Amino acid sequence: MSAVFADVDTGIDDAIALIYLLASGADLIGVASTGGNLAVDQVCANNLDLLQLCGATHVPVSRGADQPLAGPGPRRGNFHGRSGLGYAELPASDRTLTAHDAATAWVRAAHRYPGELIGVATGPLTNLALALRVEPALPQLLHRLVIMGGMYGDGTNTDREAEWNVKVDPEATAEVLAAWAGQRRQPVVCGLDLTRTVAMTPDLLARLSGPNPVSRFIQDAMRFYFEVHRDRGLGYLAHLHDPLAAAVALDPQLVVTRAANVTVDLADDRGITTAAWESKSPNAHIGIRVDTASFMDRLITRIAAFAESAG
């Protein structure tokens, strides 16, 4: 069983990512909450409530940063709904957060499982950057780090945009990538070029229907996500950005990666990521292709079985 520490800004797709980790039998040893899709206090509540729904009240949740390293970030949109979970509503948990912050949680988890811990970050990297300031040895302590963030292209296209997680805190992303430069293992990075190739559809979602609370939660959350994608001209579907990163954290063989040196624009085009593919000093392994069929089959099969057992 893999020891996993998740840093999330929950968020509909973050929620599905957490469910996937639990459904896959991962030993989820902690969850860090980061302000990104939502303010950090709402993220904390979502994490506590979701873990309670999933019968995982043993998993500690830590409050992290609400503001990026350089101060207030971009204005939040309504991509995930008022509470961040679409149309889904969860019973409020009576659990409390850890007494320590999310950066401390990162460091403690890495020292508890040296050389074994898998970290997966699906929100802005503020907490991880703060953790690195406390413990610069994190790149050596972690077994694997998977990041959902950025957009990289193939070296020829010019259609670029700042992906949300990086746009919220580009300084944090730059600090994290700099810390892993020259290390024996670099982070696996799932950017929008990759995550937009996997999507939930109504037909696939129908396989997750069932008379249990987890299935109902997923149905209500995804229905909102479908509508948001439709209203943005993307079709009646939902890209599974964060669940893909969670799946790669457990099974890196799902994606083909390419080493690159990633830089982050901290000036006029804040948050734009650029990959130097032929660099002799890579700081990341960027996912360039995914086995979509295998990923979607695992996601549906595992979550369906988990929802039934948890219900």
C-alpha atoms as a PDB file:
ATOM      1  CA  MET A   1       0.000   0.000   0.000  1.00  0.00           C
ATOM      2  CA  SER A   2       1.449   3.360  -1.072  1.00  0.00           C
ATOM      3  CA  ALA A   3       1.766   6.161   1.481  1.00  0.00           C
ATOM      4  CA  VAL A   4       0.326   9.266  -0.185  1.00  0.00           C
ATOM      5  CA  PHE A   5       0.138  12.898   0.907  1.00  0.00           C
ATOM      6  CA  ALA A   6      -2.268  15.078  -1.078  1.00  0.00           C
ATOM      7  CA  ASP A   7      -2.232  18.870  -1.376  1.00  0.00           C
ATOM      8  CA  VAL A   8      -5.527  20.065  -2.838  1.00  0.00           C
ATOM      9  CA  ASP A   9      -7.794  23.082  -3.324  1.00  0.00           C
ATOM     10  CA  THR A  10     -11.012  21.036  -3.371  1.00  0.00           C
ATOM     11  CA  GLY A  11     -12.758  21.716  -6.051  1.00  0.00           C
ATOM     12  CA  ILE A  12     -14.852  19.174  -7.962  1.00  0.00           C
ATOM     13  CA  ASP A  13     -11.999  17.412  -9.721  1.00  0.00           C
ATOM     14  CA  ASP A  14      -9.856  17.491  -6.556  1.00  0.00           C
ATOM     15  CA  ALA A  15     -12.720  15.737  -4.775  1.00  0.00           C
ATOM     16  CA  ILE A  16     -12.832  13.017  -7.424  1.00  0.00           C
ATOM     17  CA  ALA A  17      -9.039  12.704  -7.121  1.00  0.00           C
ATOM     18  CA  LEU A  18      -9.302  12.113  -3.373  1.00  0.00           C
ATOM     19  CA  ILE A  19     -12.040   9.538  -3.878  1.00  0.00           C
ATOM     20  CA  TYR A  20      -9.875   7.807  -6.485  1.00  0.00           C
ATOM     21  CA  LEU A  21      -6.936   7.584  -4.085  1.00  0.00           C
ATOM     22  CA  LEU A  22      -9.129   6.032  -1.401  1.00  0.00           C
ATOM     23  CA  ALA A  23     -10.805   3.728  -3.913  1.00  0.00           C
ATOM     24  CA  SER A  24      -7.391   2.543  -5.099  1.00  0.00           C
ATOM     25  CA  GLY A  25      -6.364   1.455  -1.619  1.00  0.00           C
ATOM     26  CA  ALA A  26      -3.733   4.147  -1.156  1.00  0.00           C
ATOM     27  CA  ASP A  27      -2.650   4.864   2.398  1.00  0.00           C
ATOM     28  CA  LEU A  28      -3.724   8.500   2.420  1.00  0.00           C
ATOM     29  CA  ILE A  29      -1.734   9.754   5.386  1.00  0.00           C
ATOM     30  CA  GLY A  30      -2.672  13.418   5.158  1.00  0.00           C
ATOM     31  CA  VAL A  31      -4.431  16.128   3.200  1.00  0.00           C
ATOM     32  CA  ALA A  32      -3.188  19.695   2.928  1.00  0.00           C
ATOM     33  CA  SER A  33      -5.702  22.415   2.072  1.00  0.00           C
ATOM     34  CA  THR A  34      -4.647  25.268  -0.177  1.00  0.00           C
ATOM     35  CA  GLY A  35      -6.537  28.355  -1.252  1.00  0.00           C
ATOM     36  CA  GLY A  36      -6.971  28.227  -5.029  1.00  0.00           C
ATOM     37  CA  ASN A  37     -10.302  27.288  -6.528  1.00  0.00           C
ATOM     38  CA  LEU A  38     -11.804  28.568  -3.253  1.00  0.00           C
ATOM     39  CA  ALA A  39     -10.762  30.316  -0.079  1.00  0.00           C
ATOM     40  CA  VAL A  40      -8.785  28.020   2.162  1.00  0.00           C
ATOM     41  CA  ASP A  41     -11.422  27.744   4.906  1.00  0.00           C
ATOM     42  CA  GLN A  42     -13.945  26.404   2.390  1.00  0.00           C
ATOM     43  CA  VAL A  43     -11.327  23.985   1.076  1.00  0.00           C
ATOM     44  CA  CYS A  44     -10.736  22.747   4.634  1.00  0.00           C
ATOM     45  CA  ALA A  45     -14.470  22.201   5.153  1.00  0.00           C
ATOM     46  CA  ASN A  46     -14.786  20.387   1.830  1.00  0.00           C
ATOM     47  CA  ASN A  47     -11.905  18.076   2.689  1.00  0.00           C
ATOM     48  CA  LEU A  48     -13.231  17.232   6.144  1.00  0.00           C
ATOM     49  CA  ASP A  49     -16.768  16.680   4.863  1.00  0.00           C
ATOM     50  CA  LEU A  50     -15.672  14.577   1.893  1.00  0.00           C
ATOM     51  CA  LEU A  51     -13.422  12.331   3.963  1.00  0.00           C
ATOM     52  CA  GLN A  52     -16.298  11.781   6.367  1.00  0.00           C
ATOM     53  CA  LEU A  53     -18.572  10.826   3.465  1.00  0.00           C
ATOM     54  CA  CYS A  54     -15.961   8.322   2.318  1.00  0.00           C
ATOM     55  CA  GLY A  55     -15.498   6.783   5.750  1.00  0.00           C
ATOM     56  CA  ALA A  56     -11.936   8.083   5.960  1.00  0.00           C
ATOM     57  CA  THR A  57     -12.164  10.151   9.134  1.00  0.00           C
ATOM     58  CA  HIS A  58      -8.743   8.837  10.172  1.00  0.00           C
ATOM     59  CA  VAL A  59      -7.057  11.013   7.530  1.00  0.00           C
ATOM     60  CA  PRO A  60      -5.788  14.279   9.063  1.00  0.00           C
ATOM     61  CA  VAL A  61      -6.506  17.561   7.276  1.00  0.00           C
ATOM     62  CA  SER A  62      -4.269  20.613   7.677  1.00  0.00           C
ATOM     63  CA  ARG A  63      -5.015  24.229   6.878  1.00  0.00           C
ATOM     64  CA  GLY A  64      -2.582  25.772   4.470  1.00  0.00           C
ATOM     65  CA  ALA A  65      -1.987  29.048   2.736  1.00  0.00           C
ATOM     66  CA  ASP A  66      -4.890  31.188   1.583  1.00  0.00           C
ATOM     67  CA  GLN A  67      -2.703  33.782  -0.136  1.00  0.00           C
ATOM     68  CA  PRO A  68       0.048  33.168  -2.689  1.00  0.00           C
ATOM     69  CA  LEU A  69       3.655  33.876  -1.749  1.00  0.00           C
ATOM     70  CA  ALA A  70       3.618  37.287  -3.446  1.00  0.00           C
ATOM     71  CA  GLY A  71       0.236  38.409  -2.135  1.00  0.00           C
ATOM     72  CA  PRO A  72      -3.357  38.222  -3.405  1.00  0.00           C
ATOM     73  CA  GLY A  73      -3.819  36.102  -6.494  1.00  0.00           C
ATOM     74  CA  PRO A  74      -6.171  36.411  -9.463  1.00  0.00           C
ATOM     75  CA  ARG A  75      -9.917  36.737  -9.013  1.00  0.00           C
ATOM     76  CA  ARG A  76     -11.606  33.370  -8.502  1.00  0.00           C
ATOM     77  CA  GLY A  77     -14.245  32.321 -10.988  1.00  0.00           C
ATOM     78  CA  ASN A  78     -17.262  30.068 -10.534  1.00  0.00           C
ATOM     79  CA  PHE A  79     -15.908  26.948 -12.198  1.00  0.00           C
ATOM     80  CA  HIS A  80     -16.771  24.760  -9.203  1.00  0.00           C
ATOM     81  CA  GLY A  81     -19.847  26.421  -7.752  1.00  0.00           C
ATOM     82  CA  ARG A  82     -20.439  28.366  -4.567  1.00  0.00           C
ATOM     83  CA  SER A  83     -19.086  25.710  -2.208  1.00  0.00           C
ATOM     84  CA  GLY A  84     -16.670  24.243  -4.717  1.00  0.00           C
ATOM     85  CA  LEU A  85     -18.563  20.967  -5.061  1.00  0.00           C
ATOM     86  CA  GLY A  86     -21.065  21.867  -7.763  1.00  0.00           C
ATOM     87  CA  TYR A  87     -24.616  20.861  -6.923  1.00  0.00           C
ATOM     88  CA  ALA A  88     -23.450  18.410  -4.276  1.00  0.00           C
ATOM     89  CA  GLU A  89     -24.103  19.063  -0.604  1.00  0.00           C
ATOM     90  CA  LEU A  90     -22.336  17.207   2.166  1.00  0.00           C
ATOM     91  CA  PRO A  91     -23.229  16.813   5.834  1.00  0.00           C
ATOM     92  CA  ALA A  92     -20.908  18.961   7.902  1.00  0.00           C
ATOM     93  CA  SER A  93     -18.170  17.054   9.659  1.00  0.00           C
ATOM     94  CA  ASP A  94     -17.586  17.594  13.369  1.00  0.00           C
ATOM     95  CA  ARG A  95     -13.883  16.842  12.948  1.00  0.00           C
ATOM     96  CA  THR A  96     -11.227  19.470  13.510  1.00  0.00           C
ATOM     97  CA  LEU A  97      -8.102  20.386  11.599  1.00  0.00           C
ATOM     98  CA  THR A  98      -4.634  19.477  12.774  1.00  0.00           C
ATOM     99  CA  ALA A  99      -2.969  21.889  15.164  1.00  0.00           C
ATOM    100  CA  HIS A 100      -0.130  22.365  12.682  1.00  0.00           C
ATOM    101  CA  ASP A 101      -0.242  23.999   9.263  1.00  0.00           C
ATOM    102  CA  ALA A 102      -0.021  22.326   5.868  1.00  0.00           C
ATOM    103  CA  ALA A 103       3.662  23.121   5.302  1.00  0.00           C
ATOM    104  CA  THR A 104       4.480  21.382   8.581  1.00  0.00           C
ATOM    105  CA  ALA A 105       2.256  18.475   7.528  1.00  0.00           C
ATOM    106  CA  TRP A 106       4.313  18.048   4.347  1.00  0.00           C
ATOM    107  CA  VAL A 107       7.560  17.984   6.311  1.00  0.00           C
ATOM    108  CA  ARG A 108       6.290  15.603   8.996  1.00  0.00           C
ATOM    109  CA  ALA A 109       4.889  13.200   6.409  1.00  0.00           C
ATOM    110  CA  ALA A 110       8.161  13.149   4.471  1.00  0.00           C
ATOM    111  CA  HIS A 111      10.172  12.413   7.619  1.00  0.00           C
ATOM    112  CA  ARG A 112       7.714   9.753   8.704  1.00  0.00           C
ATOM    113  CA  TYR A 113       8.058   7.918   5.376  1.00  0.00           C
ATOM    114  CA  PRO A 114      11.561   8.823   4.119  1.00  0.00           C
ATOM    115  CA  GLY A 115      12.137   7.572   0.598  1.00  0.00           C
ATOM    116  CA  GLU A 116       8.626   6.100   0.466  1.00  0.00           C
ATOM    117  CA  LEU A 117       6.156   8.987   0.447  1.00  0.00           C
ATOM    118  CA  ILE A 118       4.291   9.871  -2.740  1.00  0.00           C
ATOM    119  CA  GLY A 119       3.231  13.506  -2.891  1.00  0.00           C
ATOM    120  CA  VAL A 120       0.487  14.690  -5.218  1.00  0.00           C
ATOM    121  CA  ALA A 121      -0.356  18.374  -5.589  1.00  0.00           C
ATOM    122  CA  THR A 122      -3.476  19.357  -7.506  1.00  0.00           C
ATOM    123  CA  GLY A 123      -3.745  22.960  -6.341  1.00  0.00           C
ATOM    124  CA  PRO A 124      -1.370  25.922  -6.211  1.00  0.00           C
ATOM    125  CA  LEU A 125       2.047  24.965  -4.829  1.00  0.00           C
ATOM    126  CA  THR A 126       2.150  27.528  -2.018  1.00  0.00           C
ATOM    127  CA  ASN A 127       2.158  24.978   0.813  1.00  0.00           C
ATOM    128  CA  LEU A 128       4.881  22.896  -0.790  1.00  0.00           C
ATOM    129  CA  ALA A 129       7.044  25.950  -1.422  1.00  0.00           C
ATOM    130  CA  LEU A 130       6.677  26.956   2.242  1.00  0.00           C
ATOM    131  CA  ALA A 131       7.516  23.396   3.286  1.00  0.00           C
ATOM    132  CA  LEU A 132      10.702  23.512   1.196  1.00  0.00           C
ATOM    133  CA  ARG A 133      11.767  26.659   3.010  1.00  0.00           C
ATOM    134  CA  VAL A 134      11.501  24.715   6.268  1.00  0.00           C
ATOM    135  CA  GLU A 135      13.000  21.469   4.949  1.00  0.00           C
ATOM    136  CA  PRO A 136      15.107  21.869   1.788  1.00  0.00           C
ATOM    137  CA  ALA A 137      15.751  18.103   1.785  1.00  0.00           C
ATOM    138  CA  LEU A 138      12.176  17.299   0.712  1.00  0.00           C
ATOM    139  CA  PRO A 139      13.278  16.387  -2.847  1.00  0.00           C
ATOM    140  CA  GLN A 140      15.483  13.655  -1.384  1.00  0.00           C
ATOM    141  CA  LEU A 141      12.913  12.531   1.170  1.00  0.00           C
ATOM    142  CA  LEU A 142      10.007  12.056  -1.256  1.00  0.00           C
ATOM    143  CA  HIS A 143       9.800   8.911  -3.348  1.00  0.00           C
ATOM    144  CA  ARG A 144       7.706  10.629  -5.998  1.00  0.00           C
ATOM    145  CA  LEU A 145       6.029  13.964  -6.587  1.00  0.00           C
ATOM    146  CA  VAL A 146       3.216  14.451  -9.110  1.00  0.00           C
ATOM    147  CA  ILE A 147       1.984  17.947  -9.910  1.00  0.00           C
ATOM    148  CA  MET A 148      -1.097  19.043 -11.829  1.00  0.00           C
ATOM    149  CA  GLY A 149      -0.153  22.367 -13.322  1.00  0.00           C
ATOM    150  CA  GLY A 150       1.011  24.348 -16.301  1.00  0.00           C
ATOM    151  CA  MET A 151       0.681  24.131 -20.052  1.00  0.00           C
ATOM    152  CA  TYR A 152       3.656  23.181 -22.197  1.00  0.00           C
ATOM    153  CA  GLY A 153       2.793  22.487 -25.828  1.00  0.00           C
ATOM    154  CA  ASP A 154       5.050  20.501 -28.102  1.00  0.00           C
ATOM    155  CA  GLY A 155       7.640  23.137 -28.883  1.00  0.00           C
ATOM    156  CA  THR A 156       5.881  24.275 -32.055  1.00  0.00           C
ATOM    157  CA  ASN A 157       2.470  25.636 -31.087  1.00  0.00           C
ATOM    158  CA  THR A 158       1.954  29.202 -29.915  1.00  0.00           C
ATOM    159  CA  ASP A 159      -1.497  28.818 -28.366  1.00  0.00           C
ATOM    160  CA  ARG A 160      -0.437  29.331 -24.767  1.00  0.00           C
ATOM    161  CA  GLU A 161      -2.269  30.179 -21.590  1.00  0.00           C
ATOM    162  CA  ALA A 162      -1.547  30.320 -17.884  1.00  0.00           C
ATOM    163  CA  GLU A 163      -2.999  27.241 -16.194  1.00  0.00           C
ATOM    164  CA  TRP A 164      -4.931  28.124 -13.046  1.00  0.00           C
ATOM    165  CA  ASN A 165      -2.799  26.463 -10.371  1.00  0.00           C
ATOM    166  CA  VAL A 166       0.364  28.118 -11.658  1.00  0.00           C
ATOM    167  CA  LYS A 167      -1.387  31.413 -12.321  1.00  0.00           C
ATOM    168  CA  VAL A 168      -2.539  31.613  -8.692  1.00  0.00           C
ATOM    169  CA  ASP A 169       1.026  31.336  -7.361  1.00  0.00           C
ATOM    170  CA  PRO A 170       3.713  31.388 -10.053  1.00  0.00           C
ATOM    171  CA  GLU A 171       6.422  32.171  -7.498  1.00  0.00           C
ATOM    172  CA  ALA A 172       5.604  28.989  -5.587  1.00  0.00           C
ATOM    173  CA  THR A 173       5.741  26.907  -8.762  1.00  0.00           C
ATOM    174  CA  ALA A 174       9.098  28.401  -9.653  1.00  0.00           C
ATOM    175  CA  GLU A 175      10.481  27.682  -6.168  1.00  0.00           C
ATOM    176  CA  VAL A 176       9.292  24.081  -6.207  1.00  0.00           C
ATOM    177  CA  LEU A 177      10.734  23.346  -9.641  1.00  0.00           C
ATOM    178  CA  ALA A 178      14.030  25.002  -8.709  1.00  0.00           C
ATOM    179  CA  ALA A 179      14.266  22.777  -5.629  1.00  0.00           C
ATOM    180  CA  TRP A 180      13.992  19.638  -7.756  1.00  0.00           C
ATOM    181  CA  ALA A 181      16.488  20.736 -10.414  1.00  0.00           C
ATOM    182  CA  GLY A 182      19.493  18.429 -10.421  1.00  0.00           C
ATOM    183  CA  GLN A 183      17.830  15.851  -8.185  1.00  0.00           C
ATOM    184  CA  ARG A 184      17.866  12.143  -8.964  1.00  0.00           C
ATOM    185  CA  ARG A 185      14.081  12.194  -9.377  1.00  0.00           C
ATOM    186  CA  GLN A 186      12.189  15.131 -10.864  1.00  0.00           C
ATOM    187  CA  PRO A 187       8.447  15.721 -10.446  1.00  0.00           C
ATOM    188  CA  VAL A 188       6.027  14.232 -12.935  1.00  0.00           C
ATOM    189  CA  VAL A 189       3.965  17.163 -14.198  1.00  0.00           C
ATOM    190  CA  CYS A 190       0.500  16.769 -15.714  1.00  0.00           C
ATOM    191  CA  GLY A 191      -0.276  19.946 -17.633  1.00  0.00           C
ATOM    192  CA  LEU A 192      -3.404  21.026 -19.461  1.00  0.00           C
ATOM    193  CA  ASP A 193      -2.063  19.619 -22.738  1.00  0.00           C
ATOM    194  CA  LEU A 194      -2.339  16.182 -21.129  1.00  0.00           C
ATOM    195  CA  THR A 195      -5.290  16.490 -18.754  1.00  0.00           C
ATOM    196  CA  ARG A 196      -7.606  17.903 -21.413  1.00  0.00           C
ATOM    197  CA  THR A 197      -7.332  14.590 -23.264  1.00  0.00           C
ATOM    198  CA  VAL A 198      -9.258  12.748 -20.532  1.00  0.00           C
ATOM    199  CA  ALA A 199     -12.873  13.554 -19.823  1.00  0.00           C
ATOM    200  CA  MET A 200     -15.897  12.279 -17.986  1.00  0.00           C
ATOM    201  CA  THR A 201     -19.001  11.979 -20.193  1.00  0.00           C
ATOM    202  CA  PRO A 202     -22.639  11.294 -19.317  1.00  0.00           C
ATOM    203  CA  ASP A 203     -22.299   7.696 -20.534  1.00  0.00           C
ATOM    204  CA  LEU A 204     -19.302   7.087 -18.300  1.00  0.00           C
ATOM    205  CA  LEU A 205     -20.929   8.860 -15.381  1.00  0.00           C
ATOM    206  CA  ALA A 206     -23.934   6.552 -15.697  1.00  0.00           C
ATOM    207  CA  ARG A 207     -21.625   3.702 -14.692  1.00  0.00           C
ATOM    208  CA  LEU A 208     -21.078   5.485 -11.368  1.00  0.00           C
ATOM    209  CA  SER A 209     -24.754   5.781 -10.531  1.00  0.00           C
ATOM    210  CA  GLY A 210     -26.022   3.916  -7.511  1.00  0.00           C
ATOM    211  CA  PRO A 211     -28.201   4.196  -4.397  1.00  0.00           C
ATOM    212  CA  ASN A 212     -25.362   5.269  -2.122  1.00  0.00           C
ATOM    213  CA  PRO A 213     -24.095   8.621  -0.810  1.00  0.00           C
ATOM    214  CA  VAL A 214     -20.760   8.594  -2.657  1.00  0.00           C
ATOM    215  CA  SER A 215     -22.401   7.930  -6.021  1.00  0.00           C
ATOM    216  CA  ARG A 216     -24.988  10.653  -5.399  1.00  0.00           C
ATOM    217  CA  PHE A 217     -22.235  13.087  -4.485  1.00  0.00           C
ATOM    218  CA  ILE A 218     -20.355  12.344  -7.699  1.00  0.00           C
ATOM    219  CA  GLN A 219     -23.493  12.654  -9.819  1.00  0.00           C
ATOM    220  CA  ASP A 220     -24.415  16.043  -8.328  1.00  0.00           C
ATOM    221  CA  ALA A 221     -20.891  17.434  -8.518  1.00  0.00           C
ATOM    222  CA  MET A 222     -20.259  16.245 -12.072  1.00  0.00           C
ATOM    223  CA  ARG A 223     -23.587  17.534 -13.373  1.00  0.00           C
ATOM    224  CA  PHE A 224     -22.509  21.059 -12.423  1.00  0.00           C
ATOM    225  CA  TYR A 225     -19.060  20.457 -13.965  1.00  0.00           C
ATOM    226  CA  PHE A 226     -20.661  19.259 -17.218  1.00  0.00           C
ATOM    227  CA  GLU A 227     -22.724  22.434 -17.388  1.00  0.00           C
ATOM    228  CA  VAL A 228     -19.728  24.692 -16.795  1.00  0.00           C
ATOM    229  CA  HIS A 229     -17.742  22.985 -19.550  1.00  0.00           C
ATOM    230  CA  ARG A 230     -20.750  23.215 -21.877  1.00  0.00           C
ATOM    231  CA  ASP A 231     -21.222  26.915 -21.154  1.00  0.00           C
ATOM    232  CA  ARG A 232     -17.575  27.531 -22.016  1.00  0.00           C
ATOM    233  CA  GLY A 233     -17.973  25.847 -25.385  1.00  0.00           C
ATOM    234  CA  LEU A 234     -16.118  22.674 -24.420  1.00  0.00           C
ATOM    235  CA  GLY A 235     -19.021  20.258 -24.770  1.00  0.00           C
ATOM    236  CA  TYR A 236     -21.201  18.459 -22.241  1.00  0.00           C
ATOM    237  CA  LEU A 237     -18.310  16.701 -20.540  1.00  0.00           C
ATOM    238  CA  ALA A 238     -15.784  17.371 -17.794  1.00  0.00           C
ATOM    239  CA  HIS A 239     -12.009  17.266 -17.993  1.00  0.00           C
ATOM    240  CA  LEU A 240     -10.477  15.171 -15.229  1.00  0.00           C
ATOM    241  CA  HIS A 241      -7.361  17.197 -14.514  1.00  0.00           C
ATOM    242  CA  ASP A 242      -6.788  16.257 -10.880  1.00  0.00           C
ATOM    243  CA  PRO A 243      -7.967  12.623 -10.968  1.00  0.00           C
ATOM    244  CA  LEU A 244      -5.410  11.976 -13.712  1.00  0.00           C
ATOM    245  CA  ALA A 245      -2.633  13.371 -11.523  1.00  0.00           C
ATOM    246  CA  ALA A 246      -3.799  11.151  -8.651  1.00  0.00           C
ATOM    247  CA  ALA A 247      -3.783   8.105 -10.923  1.00  0.00           C
ATOM    248  CA  VAL A 248      -0.282   8.916 -12.178  1.00  0.00           C
ATOM    249  CA  ALA A 249       0.909   9.293  -8.590  1.00  0.00           C
ATOM    250  CA  LEU A 250      -0.059   5.672  -7.971  1.00  0.00           C
ATOM    251  CA  ASP A 251       0.938   4.357 -11.397  1.00  0.00           C
ATOM    252  CA  PRO A 252       3.415   6.493 -13.387  1.00  0.00           C
ATOM    253  CA  GLN A 253       3.249   3.992 -16.252  1.00  0.00           C
ATOM    254  CA  LEU A 254      -0.105   5.477 -17.258  1.00  0.00           C
ATOM    255  CA  VAL A 255       1.709   8.353 -18.952  1.00  0.00           C
ATOM    256  CA  VAL A 256       4.619   8.816 -21.274  1.00  0.00           C
ATOM    257  CA  THR A 257       6.821  11.646 -20.056  1.00  0.00           C
ATOM    258  CA  ARG A 258       9.504  13.833 -21.512  1.00  0.00           C
ATOM    259  CA  ALA A 259      12.211  15.564 -19.512  1.00  0.00           C
ATOM    260  CA  ALA A 260      12.371  19.351 -19.728  1.00  0.00           C
ATOM    261  CA  ASN A 261      13.509  22.420 -17.896  1.00  0.00           C
ATOM    262  CA  VAL A 262      10.379  24.367 -17.007  1.00  0.00           C
ATOM    263  CA  THR A 263      10.460  28.080 -16.373  1.00  0.00           C
ATOM    264  CA  VAL A 264       7.590  30.189 -15.058  1.00  0.00           C
ATOM    265  CA  ASP A 265       6.957  33.758 -16.161  1.00  0.00           C
ATOM    266  CA  LEU A 266       6.862  35.982 -13.083  1.00  0.00           C
ATOM    267  CA  ALA A 267       6.472  39.272 -14.954  1.00  0.00           C
ATOM    268  CA  ASP A 268       4.059  40.419 -17.672  1.00  0.00           C
ATOM    269  CA  ASP A 269       2.756  36.959 -18.619  1.00  0.00           C
ATOM    270  CA  ARG A 270       2.495  35.725 -15.051  1.00  0.00           C
ATOM    271  CA  GLY A 271       1.956  32.011 -14.791  1.00  0.00           C
ATOM    272  CA  ILE A 272       2.897  31.113 -18.359  1.00  0.00           C
ATOM    273  CA  THR A 273       5.066  27.982 -18.268  1.00  0.00           C
ATOM    274  CA  THR A 274       7.723  27.265 -20.880  1.00  0.00           C
ATOM    275  CA  ALA A 275       9.426  23.920 -21.391  1.00  0.00           C
ATOM    276  CA  ALA A 276      12.971  23.679 -22.742  1.00  0.00           C
ATOM    277  CA  TRP A 277      12.751  20.116 -24.026  1.00  0.00           C
ATOM    278  CA  GLU A 278      16.403  19.673 -24.970  1.00  0.00           C
ATOM    279  CA  SER A 279      17.787  21.087 -21.735  1.00  0.00           C
ATOM    280  CA  LYS A 280      20.683  19.263 -20.096  1.00  0.00           C
ATOM    281  CA  SER A 281      19.398  20.349 -16.673  1.00  0.00           C
ATOM    282  CA  PRO A 282      15.754  19.205 -16.501  1.00  0.00           C
ATOM    283  CA  ASN A 283      13.630  19.991 -13.463  1.00  0.00           C
ATOM    284  CA  ALA A 284      10.495  18.060 -14.466  1.00  0.00           C
ATOM    285  CA  HIS A 285       9.194  15.112 -16.443  1.00  0.00           C
ATOM    286  CA  ILE A 286       6.190  16.390 -18.356  1.00  0.00           C
ATOM    287  CA  GLY A 287       3.380  14.028 -19.267  1.00  0.00           C
ATOM    288  CA  ILE A 288       2.909  14.087 -23.035  1.00  0.00           C
ATOM    289  CA  ARG A 289       0.663  11.094 -23.630  1.00  0.00           C
ATOM    290  CA  VAL A 290      -1.735   9.075 -21.492  1.00  0.00           C
ATOM    291  CA  ASP A 291      -3.326   5.663 -21.850  1.00  0.00           C
ATOM    292  CA  THR A 292      -6.816   7.166 -21.724  1.00  0.00           C
ATOM    293  CA  ALA A 293      -8.707   3.887 -21.933  1.00  0.00           C
ATOM    294  CA  SER A 294      -6.764   2.327 -19.048  1.00  0.00           C
ATOM    295  CA  PHE A 295      -7.138   5.429 -16.920  1.00  0.00           C
ATOM    296  CA  MET A 296     -10.870   5.775 -17.429  1.00  0.00           C
ATOM    297  CA  ASP A 297     -11.480   2.066 -16.869  1.00  0.00           C
ATOM    298  CA  ARG A 298      -9.566   2.180 -13.578  1.00  0.00           C
ATOM    299  CA  LEU A 299     -11.324   5.327 -12.477  1.00  0.00           C
ATOM    300  CA  ILE A 300     -14.828   4.023 -13.153  1.00  0.00           C
ATOM    301  CA  THR A 301     -14.234   0.485 -11.918  1.00  0.00           C
ATOM    302  CA  ARG A 302     -12.473   1.448  -8.693  1.00  0.00           C
ATOM    303  CA  ILE A 303     -14.742   4.323  -7.727  1.00  0.00           C
ATOM    304  CA  ALA A 304     -17.904   2.329  -8.501  1.00  0.00           C
ATOM    305  CA  ALA A 305     -16.775  -0.509  -6.244  1.00  0.00           C
ATOM    306  CA  PHE A 306     -15.675   1.911  -3.529  1.00  0.00           C
ATOM    307  CA  ALA A 307     -18.937   3.874  -3.631  1.00  0.00           C
ATOM    308  CA  GLU A 308     -20.936   0.687  -3.234  1.00  0.00           C
ATOM    309  CA  SER A 309     -18.855  -0.538  -0.310  1.00  0.00           C
ATOM    310  CA  ALA A 310     -18.802   2.870   1.379  1.00  0.00           C
ATOM    311  CA  GLY A 311     -22.565   3.207   1.033  1.00  0.00           C
END
